């Protein structure tokens, strides 16, 4: 009987019994593994950390995409940094009003392996509006002259290839290429365990120093460390609650399994321990 085990802390481990080890390779950037499990379906890991699985990937991808899309109805051009599993792009392609989606992923092998093993998340990558760019996201936002209405930072943890996507330089350049009514969403780590909480506070401090509106919202993702996960919302113009258009998102009739108007509003109601941690910065 084979198990995959991820170390959440030095004292807590998360283990999944697996049916089959489907794929293993060392990419130019990280160690990539694909498994099939009894409870979670297929999942893949990068450097020993679970990135996505078939059972709960929809929670993360719906919350990182539909939250900003329900606030600004004029989003035409979207930049996704990271997101190699394709799930964020899949959700974006549900909007016919979007004209272009640029996905910048440093590790092409992650995308190609996910296209082979995770058709559940990669269907949107074939959309003609999608442009795949296999390069460093930090360098891309520094050099591009294109202006985006929405930037989604669908990154790994701030170690290895994802480290630069939590830097002040990166957030400053994101602000530079955002339209005046643009929105920046980032994967914001967890508030629960010390390591993730520290990174969460560091990221929030940087973003809050750059944007007049910087809020944090939450989702409950069972297979992420602690299950309690956060996202950052930043904008030069829009507030995620005051400018929320519940009627608009409902009228679109999008098929979602987690996100809805009530979840949107409730996700910004943070527990006191999270509020207090954010106040520290």
Foldseek 3Di string as FASTA:
>chain_A
DDKQWADLDPVDIDIFAFDDWDDWDQFPFFTKTWTAGDPFGIWMDTNSATQDTNRFNQQVLCVLAVLVCQQDVQFAEEEEEAPLLQQNLVVVVLDPNHQAYEYEHQTNVSNVVSVVPPCVRNVNCPPPRYDYHHRQLLVCLVPDPAAGQEYEYSADPLDTSRVSCQDLSSLVSNVVRYDQFHKYKYFQFFCPDDVRVVSNLSSQVSQVVPAVEKAKFWDQGPRGNVRITMMIMGHNDTHSPVSGDQVVVVVSVDDGDHDHPVNSVVRRVDDPSSVVSNVVD
